[in-house]
N, C-alpha and C. Protein backbone atom coordinates (compact mmCIF):
# COMPACT_ATOMS: atom_id res chain seq x y z
N UNK A 1 156.86 8.64 87.88
CA UNK A 1 155.85 9.03 86.88
C UNK A 1 156.51 9.86 85.78
N UNK A 2 156.19 9.58 84.54
CA UNK A 2 156.82 10.28 83.42
C UNK A 2 156.35 11.72 83.31
N UNK A 3 157.28 12.58 82.90
CA UNK A 3 156.89 13.94 82.56
C UNK A 3 156.30 13.91 81.14
N UNK A 4 155.61 15.00 80.77
CA UNK A 4 155.06 15.07 79.42
C UNK A 4 156.15 14.98 78.36
N UNK A 5 157.31 15.59 78.65
CA UNK A 5 158.43 15.55 77.70
C UNK A 5 158.94 14.12 77.52
N UNK A 6 159.05 13.38 78.63
CA UNK A 6 159.49 11.99 78.54
C UNK A 6 158.49 11.14 77.77
N UNK A 7 157.20 11.35 78.04
CA UNK A 7 156.17 10.59 77.34
C UNK A 7 156.17 10.92 75.86
N UNK A 8 156.34 12.19 75.52
CA UNK A 8 156.41 12.58 74.12
C UNK A 8 157.56 11.87 73.42
N UNK A 9 158.72 11.85 74.06
CA UNK A 9 159.89 11.18 73.49
C UNK A 9 159.63 9.69 73.29
N UNK A 10 158.99 9.05 74.27
CA UNK A 10 158.71 7.62 74.18
C UNK A 10 157.70 7.30 73.08
N UNK A 11 156.68 8.14 72.94
CA UNK A 11 155.69 7.91 71.89
C UNK A 11 156.34 8.07 70.52
N UNK A 12 157.17 9.09 70.36
CA UNK A 12 157.85 9.29 69.08
C UNK A 12 158.76 8.10 68.76
N UNK A 13 159.42 7.57 69.79
CA UNK A 13 160.29 6.40 69.58
C UNK A 13 159.47 5.18 69.20
N UNK A 14 158.29 5.02 69.81
CA UNK A 14 157.43 3.87 69.50
C UNK A 14 156.89 3.98 68.07
N UNK A 15 156.57 5.18 67.63
CA UNK A 15 156.13 5.38 66.26
C UNK A 15 157.25 5.05 65.28
N UNK A 16 158.47 5.42 65.63
CA UNK A 16 159.62 5.07 64.80
C UNK A 16 159.82 3.56 64.75
N UNK A 17 159.52 2.89 65.85
CA UNK A 17 159.71 1.45 65.95
C UNK A 17 158.65 0.67 65.18
N UNK A 18 157.45 1.25 65.04
CA UNK A 18 156.35 0.57 64.36
C UNK A 18 156.57 0.60 62.84
N UNK A 19 156.80 -0.56 62.22
CA UNK A 19 157.17 -0.57 60.79
C UNK A 19 156.05 -0.14 59.85
N UNK A 20 154.80 -0.19 60.29
CA UNK A 20 153.68 0.17 59.41
C UNK A 20 153.38 1.66 59.41
N UNK A 21 154.16 2.43 60.19
CA UNK A 21 153.90 3.86 60.34
C UNK A 21 155.08 4.67 59.83
N UNK A 22 154.80 5.71 59.05
CA UNK A 22 155.83 6.67 58.64
C UNK A 22 155.87 7.78 59.69
N UNK A 23 156.72 7.60 60.69
CA UNK A 23 156.72 8.49 61.85
C UNK A 23 157.06 9.93 61.50
N UNK A 24 157.82 10.14 60.42
CA UNK A 24 158.22 11.50 60.05
C UNK A 24 157.03 12.35 59.63
N UNK A 25 155.90 11.71 59.30
CA UNK A 25 154.70 12.44 58.87
C UNK A 25 153.75 12.72 60.02
N UNK A 26 154.12 12.29 61.24
CA UNK A 26 153.21 12.41 62.39
C UNK A 26 153.85 13.26 63.48
N UNK A 27 153.11 14.26 63.94
CA UNK A 27 153.57 15.08 65.05
C UNK A 27 152.97 14.60 66.36
N UNK A 28 153.71 14.77 67.44
CA UNK A 28 153.27 14.30 68.75
C UNK A 28 153.35 15.43 69.77
N UNK A 29 152.24 15.72 70.43
CA UNK A 29 152.24 16.65 71.55
C UNK A 29 151.62 15.95 72.76
N UNK A 30 152.03 16.34 73.94
CA UNK A 30 151.55 15.71 75.17
C UNK A 30 151.25 16.79 76.21
N UNK A 31 150.10 16.66 76.86
CA UNK A 31 149.76 17.55 77.97
C UNK A 31 149.02 16.73 79.03
N UNK A 32 149.59 16.70 80.22
CA UNK A 32 149.00 15.97 81.35
C UNK A 32 148.74 14.50 81.00
N UNK A 33 149.64 13.90 80.26
CA UNK A 33 149.52 12.48 79.92
C UNK A 33 148.62 12.18 78.75
N UNK A 34 147.98 13.21 78.17
CA UNK A 34 147.12 13.03 77.00
C UNK A 34 147.95 13.26 75.75
N UNK A 35 148.05 12.24 74.91
CA UNK A 35 148.86 12.31 73.69
C UNK A 35 147.99 12.72 72.51
N UNK A 36 148.42 13.73 71.77
CA UNK A 36 147.73 14.15 70.56
C UNK A 36 148.62 13.87 69.35
N UNK A 37 148.07 13.14 68.40
CA UNK A 37 148.79 12.81 67.17
C UNK A 37 148.23 13.66 66.04
N UNK A 38 149.10 14.32 65.28
CA UNK A 38 148.69 15.14 64.15
C UNK A 38 149.47 14.76 62.90
N UNK A 39 149.15 15.43 61.79
CA UNK A 39 149.84 15.14 60.55
C UNK A 39 148.95 14.42 59.57
N UNK A 40 149.58 13.71 58.63
CA UNK A 40 148.80 12.96 57.66
C UNK A 40 149.49 11.64 57.32
N UNK A 41 148.69 10.66 56.92
CA UNK A 41 149.19 9.33 56.56
C UNK A 41 148.55 8.91 55.24
N UNK A 42 149.08 7.83 54.67
CA UNK A 42 148.65 7.42 53.34
C UNK A 42 147.53 6.39 53.34
N UNK A 43 147.10 5.92 54.52
CA UNK A 43 146.02 4.93 54.58
C UNK A 43 145.36 4.96 55.95
N UNK A 44 144.13 4.45 56.00
CA UNK A 44 143.42 4.38 57.27
C UNK A 44 144.08 3.39 58.21
N UNK A 45 144.66 2.31 57.66
CA UNK A 45 145.35 1.33 58.48
C UNK A 45 146.52 1.97 59.21
N UNK A 46 147.26 2.82 58.50
CA UNK A 46 148.41 3.48 59.13
C UNK A 46 147.95 4.40 60.27
N UNK A 47 146.83 5.09 60.07
CA UNK A 47 146.28 5.93 61.13
C UNK A 47 145.92 5.08 62.35
N UNK A 48 145.28 3.95 62.12
CA UNK A 48 144.90 3.03 63.19
C UNK A 48 146.14 2.52 63.92
N UNK A 49 147.17 2.13 63.18
CA UNK A 49 148.39 1.59 63.78
C UNK A 49 149.13 2.65 64.60
N UNK A 50 149.09 3.90 64.14
CA UNK A 50 149.73 4.98 64.89
C UNK A 50 149.04 5.18 66.24
N UNK A 51 147.71 5.14 66.23
CA UNK A 51 146.95 5.28 67.48
C UNK A 51 147.29 4.15 68.45
N UNK A 52 147.33 2.91 67.93
CA UNK A 52 147.64 1.76 68.79
C UNK A 52 149.06 1.85 69.34
N UNK A 53 149.99 2.35 68.53
CA UNK A 53 151.37 2.50 68.99
C UNK A 53 151.45 3.47 70.15
N UNK A 54 150.72 4.59 70.06
CA UNK A 54 150.72 5.57 71.15
C UNK A 54 150.09 4.99 72.42
N UNK A 55 149.05 4.19 72.26
CA UNK A 55 148.39 3.59 73.42
C UNK A 55 149.29 2.59 74.14
N UNK A 56 150.20 1.97 73.39
CA UNK A 56 151.08 0.97 74.00
C UNK A 56 152.08 1.56 74.97
N UNK A 57 152.39 2.83 74.84
CA UNK A 57 153.45 3.44 75.63
C UNK A 57 152.99 3.66 77.07
N UNK A 58 153.78 3.18 77.99
CA UNK A 58 153.47 3.35 79.41
C UNK A 58 153.40 4.82 79.78
N UNK A 59 152.36 5.20 80.51
CA UNK A 59 152.17 6.58 80.93
C UNK A 59 151.14 7.32 80.11
N UNK A 60 150.73 6.74 78.98
CA UNK A 60 149.70 7.37 78.14
C UNK A 60 148.34 7.23 78.81
N UNK A 61 147.70 8.35 79.09
CA UNK A 61 146.39 8.33 79.75
C UNK A 61 145.26 8.34 78.73
N UNK A 62 145.46 9.00 77.62
CA UNK A 62 144.46 9.06 76.55
C UNK A 62 145.17 9.47 75.27
N UNK A 63 144.52 9.17 74.13
CA UNK A 63 145.09 9.51 72.83
C UNK A 63 144.04 10.26 72.01
N UNK A 64 144.40 11.45 71.54
CA UNK A 64 143.56 12.21 70.62
C UNK A 64 144.19 12.13 69.23
N UNK A 65 143.42 11.67 68.26
CA UNK A 65 143.96 11.46 66.91
C UNK A 65 143.43 12.54 65.98
N UNK A 66 144.33 13.39 65.52
CA UNK A 66 143.99 14.47 64.59
C UNK A 66 144.75 14.28 63.28
N UNK A 67 144.87 13.03 62.87
CA UNK A 67 145.61 12.67 61.66
C UNK A 67 144.65 12.61 60.47
N UNK A 68 145.06 13.19 59.37
CA UNK A 68 144.28 13.12 58.13
C UNK A 68 144.80 11.97 57.27
N UNK A 69 143.88 11.29 56.58
CA UNK A 69 144.26 10.26 55.62
C UNK A 69 144.26 10.88 54.24
N UNK A 70 145.45 10.94 53.63
CA UNK A 70 145.60 11.49 52.28
C UNK A 70 146.06 10.35 51.37
N UNK A 71 145.12 9.80 50.63
CA UNK A 71 145.42 8.65 49.79
C UNK A 71 146.28 9.06 48.60
N UNK A 72 147.30 8.25 48.26
CA UNK A 72 148.04 8.51 47.03
C UNK A 72 147.15 8.23 45.83
N UNK A 73 147.53 8.73 44.67
CA UNK A 73 146.70 8.59 43.47
C UNK A 73 146.39 7.13 43.17
N UNK A 74 147.38 6.25 43.33
CA UNK A 74 147.17 4.83 43.03
C UNK A 74 146.29 4.14 44.07
N UNK A 75 146.11 4.76 45.23
CA UNK A 75 145.33 4.14 46.29
C UNK A 75 143.87 4.55 46.31
N UNK A 76 143.49 5.48 45.44
CA UNK A 76 142.11 5.98 45.45
C UNK A 76 141.19 5.01 44.70
N UNK A 77 139.98 4.85 45.24
CA UNK A 77 138.96 4.02 44.63
C UNK A 77 137.61 4.72 44.75
N UNK A 78 136.71 4.45 43.81
CA UNK A 78 135.37 5.01 43.88
C UNK A 78 134.56 4.37 44.98
N UNK A 79 133.54 5.07 45.47
CA UNK A 79 132.71 4.55 46.56
C UNK A 79 132.04 3.23 46.19
N UNK A 80 131.60 3.11 44.94
CA UNK A 80 130.94 1.87 44.52
C UNK A 80 131.90 0.69 44.57
N UNK A 81 133.15 0.92 44.14
CA UNK A 81 134.15 -0.15 44.18
C UNK A 81 134.46 -0.55 45.62
N UNK A 82 134.57 0.44 46.49
CA UNK A 82 134.85 0.14 47.91
C UNK A 82 133.69 -0.64 48.51
N UNK A 83 132.45 -0.24 48.20
CA UNK A 83 131.28 -0.92 48.75
C UNK A 83 131.23 -2.37 48.30
N UNK A 84 131.51 -2.62 47.01
CA UNK A 84 131.51 -4.00 46.51
C UNK A 84 132.59 -4.82 47.18
N UNK A 85 133.77 -4.24 47.34
CA UNK A 85 134.86 -4.96 48.00
C UNK A 85 134.52 -5.28 49.45
N UNK A 86 133.89 -4.31 50.14
CA UNK A 86 133.51 -4.53 51.54
C UNK A 86 132.46 -5.63 51.65
N UNK A 87 131.48 -5.62 50.77
CA UNK A 87 130.45 -6.66 50.79
C UNK A 87 131.04 -8.04 50.51
N UNK A 88 132.00 -8.10 49.60
CA UNK A 88 132.64 -9.38 49.29
C UNK A 88 133.44 -9.91 50.47
N UNK A 89 134.21 -9.03 51.14
CA UNK A 89 135.04 -9.50 52.24
C UNK A 89 134.17 -9.90 53.44
N UNK A 90 133.05 -9.23 53.63
CA UNK A 90 132.14 -9.60 54.71
C UNK A 90 131.46 -10.93 54.42
N UNK A 91 131.18 -11.19 53.14
CA UNK A 91 130.60 -12.49 52.77
C UNK A 91 131.60 -13.61 53.03
N UNK A 92 132.87 -13.36 52.71
CA UNK A 92 133.91 -14.34 53.04
C UNK A 92 134.00 -14.55 54.55
N UNK A 93 133.88 -13.46 55.29
CA UNK A 93 133.95 -13.54 56.75
C UNK A 93 132.83 -14.40 57.31
N UNK A 94 131.67 -14.37 56.65
CA UNK A 94 130.50 -15.15 57.09
C UNK A 94 130.49 -16.57 56.53
N UNK A 95 131.57 -16.96 55.88
CA UNK A 95 131.64 -18.32 55.36
C UNK A 95 130.72 -18.57 54.18
N UNK A 96 130.42 -17.51 53.42
CA UNK A 96 129.55 -17.66 52.26
C UNK A 96 128.10 -17.38 52.54
N UNK A 97 127.70 -17.33 53.83
CA UNK A 97 126.32 -17.00 54.17
C UNK A 97 126.08 -15.51 53.91
N UNK A 98 124.83 -15.16 53.75
CA UNK A 98 124.49 -13.76 53.52
C UNK A 98 124.81 -12.95 54.78
N UNK A 99 125.66 -11.93 54.69
CA UNK A 99 126.02 -11.15 55.86
C UNK A 99 124.83 -10.39 56.44
N UNK A 100 124.80 -10.23 57.74
CA UNK A 100 123.77 -9.44 58.40
C UNK A 100 124.23 -7.99 58.56
N UNK A 101 125.41 -7.68 58.05
CA UNK A 101 125.97 -6.34 58.15
C UNK A 101 125.77 -5.60 56.83
N UNK A 102 125.29 -4.37 56.92
CA UNK A 102 125.07 -3.55 55.74
C UNK A 102 126.21 -2.54 55.60
N UNK A 103 126.50 -2.20 54.35
CA UNK A 103 127.63 -1.31 54.04
C UNK A 103 127.15 -0.07 53.31
N UNK A 104 127.61 1.10 53.78
CA UNK A 104 127.40 2.35 53.07
C UNK A 104 128.74 3.06 52.96
N UNK A 105 129.04 3.60 51.79
CA UNK A 105 130.32 4.28 51.59
C UNK A 105 130.07 5.68 51.05
N UNK A 106 130.72 6.65 51.66
CA UNK A 106 130.62 8.04 51.20
C UNK A 106 131.99 8.69 51.29
N UNK A 107 132.53 9.07 50.14
CA UNK A 107 133.84 9.72 50.05
C UNK A 107 134.92 8.88 50.72
N UNK A 108 134.83 7.58 50.52
CA UNK A 108 135.84 6.67 51.07
C UNK A 108 135.62 6.26 52.51
N UNK A 109 134.59 6.82 53.14
CA UNK A 109 134.31 6.50 54.54
C UNK A 109 133.23 5.41 54.59
N UNK A 110 133.55 4.28 55.23
CA UNK A 110 132.62 3.16 55.32
C UNK A 110 131.80 3.25 56.60
N UNK A 111 130.49 3.11 56.48
CA UNK A 111 129.61 3.00 57.64
C UNK A 111 128.99 1.61 57.64
N UNK A 112 129.18 0.88 58.72
CA UNK A 112 128.63 -0.46 58.87
C UNK A 112 127.41 -0.41 59.78
N UNK A 113 126.34 -1.07 59.38
CA UNK A 113 125.13 -1.16 60.20
C UNK A 113 124.61 -2.59 60.14
N UNK A 114 123.47 -2.84 60.80
CA UNK A 114 122.94 -4.18 60.87
C UNK A 114 123.00 -4.73 62.28
N UNK A 115 122.94 -6.05 62.42
CA UNK A 115 122.91 -6.68 63.75
C UNK A 115 123.77 -7.94 63.75
N UNK A 116 124.47 -8.15 64.86
CA UNK A 116 125.18 -9.41 65.12
C UNK A 116 124.96 -9.77 66.58
N UNK A 117 125.30 -11.00 66.95
CA UNK A 117 125.05 -11.44 68.32
C UNK A 117 126.20 -11.13 69.27
N UNK A 118 127.43 -11.05 68.76
CA UNK A 118 128.59 -10.95 69.64
C UNK A 118 129.45 -9.75 69.28
N UNK A 119 130.13 -9.20 70.29
CA UNK A 119 131.04 -8.09 70.07
C UNK A 119 132.19 -8.49 69.15
N UNK A 120 132.70 -9.72 69.27
CA UNK A 120 133.83 -10.12 68.43
C UNK A 120 133.44 -10.11 66.95
N UNK A 121 132.16 -10.40 66.66
CA UNK A 121 131.68 -10.33 65.27
C UNK A 121 131.64 -8.89 64.78
N UNK A 122 131.21 -8.00 65.65
CA UNK A 122 131.19 -6.58 65.32
C UNK A 122 132.59 -6.06 65.04
N UNK A 123 133.55 -6.43 65.90
CA UNK A 123 134.93 -6.00 65.73
C UNK A 123 135.55 -6.61 64.48
N UNK A 124 135.21 -7.88 64.21
CA UNK A 124 135.75 -8.55 63.03
C UNK A 124 135.32 -7.86 61.74
N UNK A 125 134.11 -7.32 61.73
CA UNK A 125 133.63 -6.61 60.54
C UNK A 125 134.47 -5.37 60.28
N UNK A 126 134.78 -4.62 61.33
CA UNK A 126 135.65 -3.45 61.18
C UNK A 126 137.03 -3.86 60.71
N UNK A 127 137.59 -4.89 61.34
CA UNK A 127 138.93 -5.35 60.97
C UNK A 127 138.97 -5.79 59.50
N UNK A 128 137.87 -6.37 59.02
CA UNK A 128 137.85 -6.91 57.66
C UNK A 128 137.89 -5.81 56.61
N UNK A 129 137.23 -4.68 56.87
CA UNK A 129 137.15 -3.63 55.85
C UNK A 129 138.19 -2.54 56.02
N UNK A 130 138.84 -2.50 57.18
CA UNK A 130 139.81 -1.44 57.46
C UNK A 130 140.95 -1.42 56.45
N UNK A 131 141.36 -2.61 55.97
CA UNK A 131 142.53 -2.70 55.11
C UNK A 131 142.22 -2.52 53.62
N UNK A 132 140.96 -2.33 53.27
CA UNK A 132 140.61 -2.20 51.86
C UNK A 132 141.18 -0.92 51.26
N UNK A 133 141.65 -1.03 50.02
CA UNK A 133 142.22 0.12 49.34
C UNK A 133 141.16 1.19 49.12
N UNK A 134 141.53 2.43 49.37
CA UNK A 134 140.63 3.55 49.17
C UNK A 134 139.86 3.97 50.40
N UNK A 135 139.93 3.19 51.48
CA UNK A 135 139.19 3.51 52.71
C UNK A 135 139.91 4.60 53.49
N UNK A 136 139.18 5.62 53.91
CA UNK A 136 139.76 6.69 54.73
C UNK A 136 139.24 6.67 56.16
N UNK A 137 138.21 5.86 56.43
CA UNK A 137 137.68 5.77 57.79
C UNK A 137 136.58 4.73 57.86
N UNK A 138 136.32 4.26 59.08
CA UNK A 138 135.26 3.26 59.30
C UNK A 138 134.44 3.68 60.51
N UNK A 139 133.11 3.73 60.33
CA UNK A 139 132.19 3.98 61.43
C UNK A 139 131.37 2.71 61.66
N UNK A 140 131.55 2.10 62.82
CA UNK A 140 130.87 0.85 63.12
C UNK A 140 129.62 1.12 63.94
N UNK A 141 128.45 1.05 63.28
CA UNK A 141 127.17 1.29 63.94
C UNK A 141 126.36 -0.01 64.04
N UNK A 142 127.04 -1.14 64.00
CA UNK A 142 126.38 -2.44 64.10
C UNK A 142 125.82 -2.62 65.51
N UNK A 143 124.57 -3.05 65.59
CA UNK A 143 123.93 -3.28 66.89
C UNK A 143 124.14 -4.72 67.33
N UNK A 144 124.19 -4.92 68.63
CA UNK A 144 124.32 -6.26 69.20
C UNK A 144 122.94 -6.77 69.63
N UNK A 145 122.63 -7.98 69.21
CA UNK A 145 121.36 -8.61 69.61
C UNK A 145 121.69 -9.96 70.23
N UNK A 146 122.19 -9.96 71.46
CA UNK A 146 122.61 -11.21 72.09
C UNK A 146 121.47 -12.19 72.27
N UNK A 147 121.79 -13.46 72.09
CA UNK A 147 120.77 -14.50 72.19
C UNK A 147 120.81 -15.24 73.53
N UNK A 148 121.78 -14.88 74.39
CA UNK A 148 121.97 -15.61 75.65
C UNK A 148 121.68 -14.68 76.82
N UNK A 149 121.00 -15.18 77.83
CA UNK A 149 120.64 -14.36 78.98
C UNK A 149 121.85 -14.10 79.87
N UNK A 150 121.73 -13.07 80.69
CA UNK A 150 122.85 -12.67 81.53
C UNK A 150 123.22 -13.67 82.61
N UNK A 151 122.22 -14.13 83.38
CA UNK A 151 122.54 -15.00 84.51
C UNK A 151 123.37 -14.25 85.54
N UNK A 152 124.41 -14.90 86.04
CA UNK A 152 125.29 -14.29 87.06
C UNK A 152 126.44 -13.57 86.37
N UNK A 153 126.11 -12.58 85.53
CA UNK A 153 127.12 -11.95 84.69
C UNK A 153 128.20 -11.23 85.49
N UNK A 154 127.82 -10.56 86.57
CA UNK A 154 128.82 -9.81 87.32
C UNK A 154 129.87 -10.73 87.90
N UNK A 155 129.44 -11.86 88.48
CA UNK A 155 130.39 -12.82 89.02
C UNK A 155 131.27 -13.40 87.92
N UNK A 156 130.68 -13.67 86.77
CA UNK A 156 131.45 -14.21 85.64
C UNK A 156 132.54 -13.24 85.20
N UNK A 157 132.20 -11.96 85.11
CA UNK A 157 133.18 -10.97 84.69
C UNK A 157 134.30 -10.84 85.71
N UNK A 158 133.93 -10.73 86.98
CA UNK A 158 134.95 -10.58 88.02
C UNK A 158 135.88 -11.78 88.05
N UNK A 159 135.33 -12.98 87.88
CA UNK A 159 136.17 -14.17 87.84
C UNK A 159 137.10 -14.16 86.63
N UNK A 160 136.58 -13.71 85.49
CA UNK A 160 137.42 -13.63 84.28
C UNK A 160 138.55 -12.64 84.47
N UNK A 161 138.28 -11.50 85.11
CA UNK A 161 139.32 -10.51 85.34
C UNK A 161 140.40 -11.05 86.28
N UNK A 162 140.00 -11.82 87.27
CA UNK A 162 140.98 -12.38 88.21
C UNK A 162 141.90 -13.39 87.52
N UNK A 163 141.40 -14.03 86.46
CA UNK A 163 142.23 -15.02 85.76
C UNK A 163 143.29 -14.36 84.88
N UNK A 164 143.18 -13.06 84.65
CA UNK A 164 144.14 -12.36 83.80
C UNK A 164 145.34 -11.95 84.65
N UNK A 165 146.48 -12.47 84.31
CA UNK A 165 147.68 -12.26 85.13
C UNK A 165 148.07 -10.79 85.21
N UNK A 166 147.80 -10.02 84.15
CA UNK A 166 148.24 -8.62 84.11
C UNK A 166 147.22 -7.66 84.71
N UNK A 167 146.08 -8.16 85.09
CA UNK A 167 145.02 -7.27 85.55
C UNK A 167 144.69 -7.49 87.02
N UNK A 168 144.66 -6.43 87.78
CA UNK A 168 144.28 -6.49 89.19
C UNK A 168 142.77 -6.27 89.28
N UNK A 169 142.04 -7.36 89.39
CA UNK A 169 140.57 -7.26 89.38
C UNK A 169 140.05 -6.48 90.57
N UNK A 170 140.82 -6.47 91.66
CA UNK A 170 140.36 -5.77 92.86
C UNK A 170 140.22 -4.28 92.62
N UNK A 171 140.94 -3.75 91.65
CA UNK A 171 140.87 -2.32 91.38
C UNK A 171 139.81 -1.93 90.37
N UNK A 172 139.06 -2.92 89.88
CA UNK A 172 138.05 -2.66 88.85
C UNK A 172 136.66 -2.96 89.41
N UNK A 173 135.76 -1.99 89.23
CA UNK A 173 134.38 -2.15 89.68
C UNK A 173 133.50 -2.46 88.48
N UNK A 174 132.62 -3.47 88.64
CA UNK A 174 131.70 -3.87 87.59
C UNK A 174 130.28 -3.57 88.04
N UNK A 175 129.54 -2.80 87.25
CA UNK A 175 128.15 -2.54 87.57
C UNK A 175 127.28 -2.89 86.36
N UNK A 176 126.04 -3.30 86.63
CA UNK A 176 125.14 -3.75 85.58
C UNK A 176 123.86 -2.93 85.58
N UNK A 177 123.35 -2.67 84.38
CA UNK A 177 122.04 -2.07 84.22
C UNK A 177 121.43 -2.70 82.98
N UNK A 178 120.50 -3.62 83.23
CA UNK A 178 119.95 -4.37 82.11
C UNK A 178 121.03 -5.21 81.46
N UNK A 179 121.29 -4.99 80.17
CA UNK A 179 122.33 -5.72 79.47
C UNK A 179 123.55 -4.85 79.21
N UNK A 180 123.66 -3.73 79.95
CA UNK A 180 124.79 -2.82 79.81
C UNK A 180 125.73 -2.96 81.00
N UNK A 181 127.02 -3.00 80.72
CA UNK A 181 128.05 -3.13 81.75
C UNK A 181 128.85 -1.84 81.82
N UNK A 182 129.12 -1.38 83.03
CA UNK A 182 130.01 -0.25 83.24
C UNK A 182 131.21 -0.69 84.06
N UNK A 183 132.40 -0.42 83.54
CA UNK A 183 133.65 -0.73 84.23
C UNK A 183 134.25 0.58 84.73
N UNK A 184 134.64 0.61 86.00
CA UNK A 184 135.28 1.79 86.56
C UNK A 184 136.43 1.36 87.46
N UNK A 185 137.23 2.33 87.90
CA UNK A 185 138.40 2.02 88.71
C UNK A 185 139.67 2.41 87.98
N UNK A 186 140.81 2.04 88.56
CA UNK A 186 142.10 2.42 87.99
C UNK A 186 142.89 1.18 87.61
N UNK A 187 143.53 1.24 86.43
CA UNK A 187 144.43 0.18 85.98
C UNK A 187 145.79 0.80 85.71
N UNK A 188 146.83 -0.04 85.62
CA UNK A 188 148.19 0.48 85.51
C UNK A 188 148.61 0.78 84.08
N UNK A 189 147.92 0.22 83.09
CA UNK A 189 148.35 0.41 81.71
C UNK A 189 147.18 0.24 80.75
N UNK A 190 147.38 0.65 79.49
CA UNK A 190 146.37 0.45 78.47
C UNK A 190 146.15 -1.03 78.21
N UNK A 191 147.22 -1.84 78.35
CA UNK A 191 147.09 -3.28 78.14
C UNK A 191 146.10 -3.88 79.14
N UNK A 192 146.20 -3.46 80.40
CA UNK A 192 145.28 -3.97 81.43
C UNK A 192 143.86 -3.45 81.17
N UNK A 193 143.77 -2.21 80.73
CA UNK A 193 142.45 -1.64 80.43
C UNK A 193 141.78 -2.41 79.31
N UNK A 194 142.53 -2.70 78.25
CA UNK A 194 141.98 -3.46 77.13
C UNK A 194 141.60 -4.88 77.54
N UNK A 195 142.43 -5.50 78.40
CA UNK A 195 142.13 -6.86 78.85
C UNK A 195 140.83 -6.90 79.65
N UNK A 196 140.63 -5.91 80.51
CA UNK A 196 139.39 -5.85 81.30
C UNK A 196 138.18 -5.64 80.40
N UNK A 197 138.33 -4.74 79.45
CA UNK A 197 137.22 -4.45 78.53
C UNK A 197 136.88 -5.67 77.67
N UNK A 198 137.92 -6.37 77.20
CA UNK A 198 137.70 -7.57 76.38
C UNK A 198 136.98 -8.65 77.19
N UNK A 199 137.32 -8.77 78.46
CA UNK A 199 136.66 -9.76 79.31
C UNK A 199 135.18 -9.46 79.47
N UNK A 200 134.87 -8.18 79.62
CA UNK A 200 133.46 -7.79 79.75
C UNK A 200 132.69 -8.10 78.47
N UNK A 201 133.29 -7.78 77.32
CA UNK A 201 132.62 -8.04 76.04
C UNK A 201 132.46 -9.52 75.77
N UNK A 202 133.32 -10.35 76.36
CA UNK A 202 133.25 -11.80 76.11
C UNK A 202 132.13 -12.47 76.90
N UNK A 203 131.46 -11.73 77.77
CA UNK A 203 130.39 -12.29 78.57
C UNK A 203 129.12 -12.43 77.74
N UNK A 204 128.50 -13.61 77.73
CA UNK A 204 127.25 -13.80 76.95
C UNK A 204 126.17 -12.81 77.37
N UNK A 205 125.52 -12.22 76.40
CA UNK A 205 124.40 -11.34 76.66
C UNK A 205 124.72 -9.87 76.74
N UNK A 206 125.98 -9.50 76.64
CA UNK A 206 126.37 -8.10 76.76
C UNK A 206 125.98 -7.32 75.51
N UNK A 207 125.29 -6.19 75.70
CA UNK A 207 124.94 -5.31 74.59
C UNK A 207 125.91 -4.15 74.47
N UNK A 208 126.35 -3.63 75.60
CA UNK A 208 127.28 -2.51 75.55
C UNK A 208 128.17 -2.53 76.77
N UNK A 209 129.38 -1.98 76.62
CA UNK A 209 130.33 -1.84 77.71
C UNK A 209 130.76 -0.38 77.79
N UNK A 210 130.50 0.23 78.94
CA UNK A 210 130.91 1.61 79.17
C UNK A 210 132.21 1.59 79.95
N UNK A 211 133.25 2.16 79.36
CA UNK A 211 134.59 2.14 79.97
C UNK A 211 134.85 3.45 80.68
N UNK A 212 134.71 3.42 82.01
CA UNK A 212 135.03 4.60 82.83
C UNK A 212 136.32 4.40 83.60
N UNK A 213 137.13 3.43 83.18
CA UNK A 213 138.39 3.17 83.87
C UNK A 213 139.42 4.25 83.52
N UNK A 214 140.34 4.49 84.44
CA UNK A 214 141.42 5.43 84.21
C UNK A 214 142.75 4.70 84.25
N UNK A 215 143.71 5.21 83.51
CA UNK A 215 145.04 4.61 83.47
C UNK A 215 145.99 5.47 84.30
N UNK A 216 146.66 4.85 85.24
CA UNK A 216 147.60 5.59 86.08
C UNK A 216 148.29 4.66 87.04
N UNK A 217 149.35 5.15 87.65
CA UNK A 217 150.09 4.35 88.61
C UNK A 217 149.99 4.98 89.99
């Protein structure tokens, strides 16, 4: 098991390895396997990539992000311009149809609301606007309104987890309450945790997934 010092060194090395991140602007502290990232970056995308880089490192139990986004002068845009750009990219995402997602922008921070049927659509909306110039953060408040009934959802999820080569389904517990899924148990890495969570979200009819899994060996 890694010590906090070893984990800190590995996270710093991973940040250096990630080409989209200026690692010299980011500080890393670790306590009991919890990684805290501080400092400032020039875009929201860079902040997102730094968080993902820390999560990739084996031994990371959780990541706290205390990074500020400080846009350079050429990267700043007015809220109205950001809102128009976000609406346009969401319209492209919907294939020209009128998007069901609403956009609000305040001081460069985008809030998405509205309704979609699937989690992948909700995530795609965030991914679409994250890269827009002038964005300092994204809050995804889109609600899920699934059109398909649950059926034997628990069996479907457990079978999907067993098909994932990197995930030990036996260590993951699936519980249901209405259209909400709770995952608990222990996984060996963030990759396995993400794979289990993605499998749950891919199940027809899911409104929410509560992740109570822990990462450890």
